[in-house]
C-alpha atoms as a PDB file:
ATOM      1  CA  MET A   1      40.691 158.593 202.018  1.00  0.00           C
ATOM      2  CA  ASN A   2      38.822 158.049 198.371  1.00  0.00           C
ATOM      3  CA  ASN A   3      39.158 154.768 196.953  1.00  0.00           C
ATOM      4  CA  PHE A   4      39.613 153.856 193.083  1.00  0.00           C
ATOM      5  CA  PHE A   5      38.158 150.989 191.491  1.00  0.00           C
ATOM      6  CA  ILE A   6      39.660 150.088 188.015  1.00  0.00           C
ATOM      7  CA  SER A   7      37.930 146.685 186.188  1.00  0.00           C
ATOM      8  CA  LEU A   8      40.098 144.887 183.691  1.00  0.00           C
ATOM      9  CA  LEU A   9      39.198 142.755 181.275  1.00  0.00           C
ATOM     10  CA  LEU A  10      42.032 139.974 180.149  1.00  0.00           C
ATOM     11  CA  PRO A  11      41.469 137.800 176.891  1.00  0.00           C
ATOM     12  CA  ILE A  12      43.683 134.097 177.505  1.00  0.00           C
ATOM     13  CA  SER A  13      43.904 131.660 174.955  1.00  0.00           C
ATOM     14  CA  LEU A  14      44.418 127.645 175.550  1.00  0.00           C
ATOM     15  CA  SER A  15      45.120 124.983 173.211  1.00  0.00           C
ATOM     16  CA  PHE A  16      43.886 121.511 173.860  1.00  0.00           C
ATOM     17  CA  ALA A  17      44.864 118.557 171.540  1.00  0.00           C
ATOM     18  CA  ALA A  18      41.733 116.101 170.595  1.00  0.00           C
ATOM     19  CA  GLY A  19      41.900 112.951 168.256  1.00  0.00           C
ATOM     20  CA  THR A  20      39.115 112.512 165.427  1.00  0.00           C
ATOM     21  CA  ASN A  21      39.135 109.593 163.254  1.00  0.00           C
ATOM     22  CA  ARG A  22      38.893 110.047 159.491  1.00  0.00           C
ATOM     23  CA  THR A  23      38.064 107.625 156.448  1.00  0.00           C
ATOM     24  CA  ILE A  24      40.198 106.617 153.653  1.00  0.00           C
ATOM     25  CA  ASP A  25      38.209 105.006 150.731  1.00  0.00           C
ATOM     26  CA  ASP A  26      39.623 102.975 147.900  1.00  0.00           C
ATOM     27  CA  GLY A  27      38.297 105.277 145.212  1.00  0.00           C
ATOM     28  CA  LEU A  28      37.212 108.418 146.839  1.00  0.00           C
ATOM     29  CA  GLY A  29      40.681 108.726 149.028  1.00  0.00           C
ATOM     30  CA  ASP A  30      41.128 110.986 152.286  1.00  0.00           C
ATOM     31  CA  VAL A  31      37.851 112.371 153.169  1.00  0.00           C
ATOM     32  CA  VAL A  32      40.056 115.295 154.148  1.00  0.00           C
ATOM     33  CA  THR A  33      42.338 115.967 152.610  1.00  0.00           C
ATOM     34  CA  GLY A  34      41.557 114.487 149.124  1.00  0.00           C
ATOM     35  CA  LEU A  35      44.303 112.538 148.386  1.00  0.00           C
ATOM     36  CA  GLN A  36      44.024 109.268 146.463  1.00  0.00           C
ATOM     37  CA  VAL A  37      45.205 105.622 147.324  1.00  0.00           C
ATOM     38  CA  GLU A  38      48.241 104.547 144.928  1.00  0.00           C
ATOM     39  CA  TYR A  39      47.921 101.253 143.168  1.00  0.00           C
ATOM     40  CA  LEU A  40      50.692  99.376 142.041  1.00  0.00           C
ATOM     41  CA  PRO A  41      51.052  98.138 139.242  1.00  0.00           C
ATOM     42  CA  LEU A  42      49.416 100.566 137.313  1.00  0.00           C
ATOM     43  CA  TYR A  43      48.244  98.463 134.300  1.00  0.00           C
ATOM     44  CA  SER A  44      47.985  94.522 133.960  1.00  0.00           C
ATOM     45  CA  PRO A  45      51.155  92.875 132.777  1.00  0.00           C
ATOM     46  CA  ASN A  46      49.644  91.212 129.708  1.00  0.00           C
ATOM     47  CA  ASN A  47      47.189  94.445 128.618  1.00  0.00           C
ATOM     48  CA  THR A  48      48.878  97.847 129.015  1.00  0.00           C
ATOM     49  CA  ALA A  49      45.464  99.614 128.461  1.00  0.00           C
ATOM     50  CA  GLU A  50      44.151  97.657 131.611  1.00  0.00           C
ATOM     51  CA  PRO A  51      44.248  98.829 134.842  1.00  0.00           C
ATOM     52  CA  PHE A  52      46.271  96.017 137.062  1.00  0.00           C
ATOM     53  CA  TRP A  53      43.802  97.128 140.292  1.00  0.00           C
ATOM     54  CA  LYS A  54      40.518  97.403 139.215  1.00  0.00           C
ATOM     55  CA  HIS A  55      37.447  99.362 141.012  1.00  0.00           C
ATOM     56  CA  GLU A  56      33.991  98.232 141.439  1.00  0.00           C
ATOM     57  CA  ASP A  57      32.840  99.976 138.161  1.00  0.00           C
ATOM     58  CA  GLN A  58      35.707  98.597 135.852  1.00  0.00           C
ATOM     59  CA  CYS A  59      34.779  94.907 136.720  1.00  0.00           C
ATOM     60  CA  ASP A  60      32.052  94.287 134.652  1.00  0.00           C
ATOM     61  CA  GLY A  61      33.869  90.999 133.593  1.00  0.00           C
ATOM     62  CA  CYS A  62      35.403  89.887 136.821  1.00  0.00           C
ATOM     63  CA  ALA A  63      34.460  86.526 138.153  1.00  0.00           C
ATOM     64  CA  ILE A  64      34.780  87.558 141.934  1.00  0.00           C
ATOM     65  CA  MET A  65      31.934  90.367 142.312  1.00  0.00           C
ATOM     66  CA  PRO A  66      31.622  91.918 145.838  1.00  0.00           C
ATOM     67  CA  ASP A  67      28.427  93.718 146.630  1.00  0.00           C
ATOM     68  CA  VAL A  68      28.808  97.471 146.158  1.00  0.00           C
ATOM     69  CA  THR A  69      25.786  98.402 148.254  1.00  0.00           C
ATOM     70  CA  LYS A  70      27.581  96.296 151.407  1.00  0.00           C
ATOM     71  CA  ALA A  71      30.571  98.196 150.815  1.00  0.00           C
ATOM     72  CA  PHE A  72      31.649 101.305 152.485  1.00  0.00           C
ATOM     73  CA  ASP A  73      30.647 104.392 150.305  1.00  0.00           C
ATOM     74  CA  GLY A  74      29.408 102.019 147.947  1.00  0.00           C
ATOM     75  CA  THR A  75      33.336 101.665 146.334  1.00  0.00           C
ATOM     76  CA  TRP A  76      36.096  98.808 146.281  1.00  0.00           C
ATOM     77  CA  THR A  77      39.368  98.170 144.584  1.00  0.00           C
ATOM     78  CA  ALA A  78      40.415  94.413 143.741  1.00  0.00           C
ATOM     79  CA  THR A  79      43.058  93.191 142.159  1.00  0.00           C
ATOM     80  CA  THR A  80      44.219  89.494 141.613  1.00  0.00           C
ATOM     81  CA  TYR A  81      47.969  88.202 142.413  1.00  0.00           C
ATOM     82  CA  VAL A  82      49.860  85.550 140.699  1.00  0.00           C
ATOM     83  CA  PRO A  83      53.876  84.838 141.256  1.00  0.00           C
ATOM     84  CA  ALA A  84      54.266  86.451 137.855  1.00  0.00           C
ATOM     85  CA  ILE A  85      53.378  89.579 138.612  1.00  0.00           C
ATOM     86  CA  GLU A  86      56.372  89.785 141.603  1.00  0.00           C
ATOM     87  CA  TYR A  87      54.653  92.574 143.286  1.00  0.00           C
ATOM     88  CA  MET A  88      51.754  94.739 144.224  1.00  0.00           C
ATOM     89  CA  SER A  89      50.703  97.226 146.581  1.00  0.00           C
ATOM     90  CA  ALA A  90      48.087  99.861 147.601  1.00  0.00           C
ATOM     91  CA  GLY A  91      49.380 102.579 149.319  1.00  0.00           C
ATOM     92  CA  LEU A  92      48.029 105.639 151.847  1.00  0.00           C
ATOM     93  CA  ARG A  93      49.832 108.453 153.239  1.00  0.00           C
ATOM     94  CA  PHE A  94      48.236 109.778 156.365  1.00  0.00           C
ATOM     95  CA  ASN A  95      49.032 112.123 159.473  1.00  0.00           C
ATOM     96  CA  GLY A  96      47.897 110.201 162.856  1.00  0.00           C
ATOM     97  CA  THR A  97      48.566 108.354 165.974  1.00  0.00           C
ATOM     98  CA  ALA A  98      46.399 105.482 164.833  1.00  0.00           C
ATOM     99  CA  ILE A  99      45.265 103.288 161.568  1.00  0.00           C
ATOM    100  CA  TYR A 100      42.964 101.069 160.808  1.00  0.00           C
ATOM    101  CA  ILE A 101      42.676  98.734 157.413  1.00  0.00           C
ATOM    102  CA  TYR A 102      39.662  97.223 156.309  1.00  0.00           C
ATOM    103  CA  LEU A 103      39.230  94.358 153.756  1.00  0.00           C
ATOM    104  CA  ILE A 104      36.253  92.426 151.816  1.00  0.00           C
ATOM    105  CA  LEU A 105      36.995  88.916 151.874  1.00  0.00           C
ATOM    106  CA  SER A 106      35.756  86.136 149.220  1.00  0.00           C
ATOM    107  CA  ASN A 107      34.768  82.221 150.230  1.00  0.00           C
ATOM    108  CA  TYR A 108      34.862  80.867 146.560  1.00  0.00           C
ATOM    109  CA  PRO A 109      35.379  76.964 146.870  1.00  0.00           C
ATOM    110  CA  ALA A 110      38.961  76.093 146.239  1.00  0.00           C
ATOM    111  CA  ASN A 111      37.544  73.401 143.754  1.00  0.00           C
ATOM    112  CA  THR A 112      36.263  76.533 141.267  1.00  0.00           C
ATOM    113  CA  SER A 113      39.524  77.333 140.376  1.00  0.00           C
ATOM    114  CA  LEU A 114      38.820  80.849 141.054  1.00  0.00           C
ATOM    115  CA  VAL A 115      41.768  82.633 143.357  1.00  0.00           C
ATOM    116  CA  SER A 116      39.627  83.322 146.675  1.00  0.00           C
ATOM    117  CA  ARG A 117      42.395  83.373 149.354  1.00  0.00           C
ATOM    118  CA  THR A 118      43.844  86.619 150.716  1.00  0.00           C
ATOM    119  CA  VAL A 119      47.383  86.829 151.516  1.00  0.00           C
ATOM    120  CA  CYS A 120      48.967  90.367 152.049  1.00  0.00           C
ATOM    121  CA  ASP A 121      51.335  91.612 154.383  1.00  0.00           C
ATOM    122  CA  PHE A 122      51.404  95.219 155.928  1.00  0.00           C
ATOM    123  CA  ARG A 123      54.026  97.475 155.561  1.00  0.00           C
ATOM    124  CA  LEU A 124      54.473 100.791 157.741  1.00  0.00           C
ATOM    125  CA  ASP A 125      57.102 103.732 156.649  1.00  0.00           C
ATOM    126  CA  GLY A 126      59.119 100.799 155.345  1.00  0.00           C
ATOM    127  CA  SER A 127      59.184  98.264 157.685  1.00  0.00           C
ATOM    128  CA  VAL A 128      56.780  94.993 157.609  1.00  0.00           C
ATOM    129  CA  VAL A 129      54.356  94.944 160.745  1.00  0.00           C
ATOM    130  CA  GLY A 130      52.205  92.400 160.193  1.00  0.00           C
ATOM    131  CA  ALA A 131      50.715  89.950 157.473  1.00  0.00           C
ATOM    132  CA  PHE A 132      47.121  88.976 156.978  1.00  0.00           C
ATOM    133  CA  ASP A 133      46.276  84.797 155.497  1.00  0.00           C
ATOM    134  CA  HIS A 134      42.763  84.651 154.668  1.00  0.00           C
ATOM    135  CA  GLU A 135      41.843  80.829 154.331  1.00  0.00           C
ATOM    136  CA  MET A 136      38.197  80.099 152.581  1.00  0.00           C
ATOM    137  CA  ASP A 137      35.350  78.332 154.017  1.00  0.00           C
ATOM    138  CA  GLY A 138      33.886  77.363 150.728  1.00  0.00           C
ATOM    139  CA  THR A 139      30.641  79.282 151.260  1.00  0.00           C
ATOM    140  CA  SER A 140      30.998  81.545 148.348  1.00  0.00           C
ATOM    141  CA  ASN A 141      29.986  84.463 150.780  1.00  0.00           C
ATOM    142  CA  PHE A 142      31.782  87.810 151.043  1.00  0.00           C
ATOM    143  CA  GLU A 143      32.721  89.097 154.387  1.00  0.00           C
ATOM    144  CA  TYR A 144      32.679  93.109 154.807  1.00  0.00           C
ATOM    145  CA  ASN A 145      34.193  95.424 157.008  1.00  0.00           C
ATOM    146  CA  THR A 146      36.788  93.241 157.939  1.00  0.00           C
ATOM    147  CA  LEU A 147      39.389  94.687 159.995  1.00  0.00           C
ATOM    148  CA  ALA A 148      42.568  93.150 158.207  1.00  0.00           C
ATOM    149  CA  TYR A 149      45.405  95.522 160.594  1.00  0.00           C
ATOM    150  CA  SER A 150      45.254  97.788 163.641  1.00  0.00           C
ATOM    151  CA  ASN A 151      47.779  99.730 165.112  1.00  0.00           C
ATOM    152  CA  GLU A 152      47.090 102.534 167.853  1.00  0.00           C
ATOM    153  CA  SER A 153      50.558 103.371 169.006  1.00  0.00           C
ATOM    154  CA  LEU A 154      51.978 105.693 166.150  1.00  0.00           C
ATOM    155  CA  SER A 155      53.781 108.712 166.384  1.00  0.00           C
ATOM    156  CA  ASP A 156      51.886 111.609 165.233  1.00  0.00           C
ATOM    157  CA  GLU A 157      53.495 112.611 162.035  1.00  0.00           C
ATOM    158  CA  GLU A 158      53.206 111.918 158.546  1.00  0.00           C
ATOM    159  CA  HIS A 159      53.022 107.676 157.804  1.00  0.00           C
ATOM    160  CA  ILE A 160      53.095 106.002 154.680  1.00  0.00           C
ATOM    161  CA  PHE A 161      51.427 102.383 155.234  1.00  0.00           C
ATOM    162  CA  LEU A 162      51.393  99.686 152.193  1.00  0.00           C
ATOM    163  CA  ILE A 163      49.067  96.753 151.581  1.00  0.00           C
ATOM    164  CA  GLU A 164      51.265  94.683 149.891  1.00  0.00           C
ATOM    165  CA  THR A 165      51.830  91.035 148.360  1.00  0.00           C
ATOM    166  CA  THR A 166      54.658  89.250 146.880  1.00  0.00           C
ATOM    167  CA  GLY A 167      56.237  85.940 146.889  1.00  0.00           C
ATOM    168  CA  SER A 168      54.811  82.389 145.440  1.00  0.00           C
ATOM    169  CA  GLU A 169      51.548  82.445 146.601  1.00  0.00           C
ATOM    170  CA  SER A 170      48.588  83.739 144.603  1.00  0.00           C
ATOM    171  CA  SER A 171      46.125  86.228 146.525  1.00  0.00           C
ATOM    172  CA  TYR A 172      43.141  88.016 146.090  1.00  0.00           C
ATOM    173  CA  VAL A 173      42.956  90.903 147.484  1.00  0.00           C
ATOM    174  CA  VAL A 174      39.745  94.072 148.348  1.00  0.00           C
ATOM    175  CA  PHE A 175      40.823  97.057 149.600  1.00  0.00           C
ATOM    176  CA  ASP A 176      37.712  98.459 151.007  1.00  0.00           C
ATOM    177  CA  TYR A 177      38.650 101.652 153.257  1.00  0.00           C
ATOM    178  CA  ALA A 178      41.192 102.849 155.987  1.00  0.00           C
ATOM    179  CA  ILE A 179      40.452 105.151 158.998  1.00  0.00           C
ATOM    180  CA  TYR A 180      43.148 107.092 160.860  1.00  0.00           C
ATOM    181  CA  THR A 181      43.163 108.692 163.647  1.00  0.00           C
ATOM    182  CA  SER A 182      44.351 112.614 163.462  1.00  0.00           C
ATOM    183  CA  VAL A 183      45.356 115.053 166.471  1.00  0.00           C
ATOM    184  CA  VAL A 184      43.303 118.236 166.078  1.00  0.00           C
ATOM    185  CA  SER A 185      43.991 121.202 167.978  1.00  0.00           C
ATOM    186  CA  GLU A 186      41.561 123.283 169.625  1.00  0.00           C
ATOM    187  CA  ASN A 187      41.885 126.905 170.922  1.00  0.00           C
ATOM    188  CA  THR A 188      39.641 127.937 173.335  1.00  0.00           C
ATOM    189  CA  THR A 189      39.311 131.797 174.790  1.00  0.00           C
ATOM    190  CA  PHE A 190      38.671 132.467 178.130  1.00  0.00           C
ATOM    191  CA  ASN A 191      37.901 136.152 179.475  1.00  0.00           C
ATOM    192  CA  LEU A 192      39.591 136.746 182.978  1.00  0.00           C
ATOM    193  CA  PHE A 193      37.846 139.746 184.698  1.00  0.00           C
ATOM    194  CA  LEU A 194      39.765 141.527 187.080  1.00  0.00           C
ATOM    195  CA  THR A 195      38.669 144.571 189.922  1.00  0.00           C
ATOM    196  CA  LEU A 196      41.077 146.241 191.514  1.00  0.00           C
ATOM    197  CA  ARG A 197      39.903 148.704 194.659  1.00  0.00           C
ATOM    198  CA  ILE A 198      43.060 151.283 194.836  1.00  0.00           C
ATOM    199  CA  ALA A 199      43.589 153.610 197.902  1.00  0.00           C
ATOM    200  CA  PRO A 200      45.852 156.433 197.447  1.00  0.00           C
ATOM    201  CA  THR A 201      48.945 154.497 199.094  1.00  0.00           C
ATOM    202  CA  THR A 202      47.834 150.500 198.864  1.00  0.00           C
ATOM    203  CA  ILE A 203      46.026 148.043 196.937  1.00  0.00           C
ATOM    204  CA  LEU A 204      43.017 146.812 199.679  1.00  0.00           C
ATOM    205  CA  ASN A 205      42.158 143.866 197.792  1.00  0.00           C
ATOM    206  CA  ILE A 206      42.094 142.270 194.190  1.00  0.00           C
ATOM    207  CA  PRO A 207      38.869 139.825 193.687  1.00  0.00           C
ATOM    208  CA  LEU A 208      39.085 137.664 191.010  1.00  0.00           C
ATOM    209  CA  ILE A 209      36.419 136.183 188.791  1.00  0.00           C
ATOM    210  CA  LEU A 210      36.908 133.495 185.743  1.00  0.00           C
ATOM    211  CA  GLU A 211      34.411 133.470 183.383  1.00  0.00           C
ATOM    212  CA  ARG A 212      34.470 131.181 179.808  1.00  0.00           C
ATOM    213  CA  SER A 213      33.925 132.539 176.923  1.00  0.00           C
ATOM    214  CA  PRO A 214      31.267 131.036 174.341  1.00  0.00           C
ATOM    215  CA  VAL A 215      33.793 131.746 171.679  1.00  0.00           C
ATOM    216  CA  MET A 216      35.569 128.540 170.369  1.00  0.00           C
ATOM    217  CA  GLN A 217      37.716 127.910 167.664  1.00  0.00           C
ATOM    218  CA  SER A 218      38.805 124.551 165.814  1.00  0.00           C
ATOM    219  CA  GLN A 219      42.114 124.063 163.524  1.00  0.00           C
ATOM    220  CA  ALA A 220      42.218 120.897 161.513  1.00  0.00           C
ATOM    221  CA  SER A 221      45.670 119.723 160.593  1.00  0.00           C
ATOM    222  CA  SER A 222      46.994 120.176 156.969  1.00  0.00           C
ATOM    223  CA  LEU A 223      48.186 117.072 155.151  1.00  0.00           C
ATOM    224  CA  ALA A 224      51.141 116.846 152.910  1.00  0.00           C
ATOM    225  CA  CYS A 225      50.084 113.728 151.291  1.00  0.00           C
END
């Protein structure tokens, strides 16, 4: 009785999901999508030619100036809220399962008459989810990389996040950067080797060997905002 041998190579693809952190800079925007932070209002109510929110390179005459060398990516964006403004915000749009908001805090003494206290709310997808209130310590020192808000239990979809101030209290807000966690799918290809020994009327055995191919493909999600 003659035996016949047949070898088969079957590629099998498996998908995995992994979280990766991405940054949104105050001035440079999303490191992956390039989307920018949306600041409101656009202009000062007393001067329509002057931005209300100012980047570090627009603030030569500002009384309070954080050190750009200590800011993330060498940039920051700041403004002073007074009750007459009624509302201001910095808006972020991202796809992810977690968000971390970092501010720069000022500590000028109250007797300088400078607005140095940071007061703001955090709104996620239309609902207020937190608040931040920093009282100055009077040292005139800045506090960098301050984690003002974090949320690690978001659904994996598009979100809109606002740093906003309203009401009757004056506030000085310096937005530096945000980090969000994006879920990235990874496709891995395996090669399945099958060797079949076939008799004229029956299959005698089927040895099975599973080897992992060195081929790896990575696909990053494309955001809509």
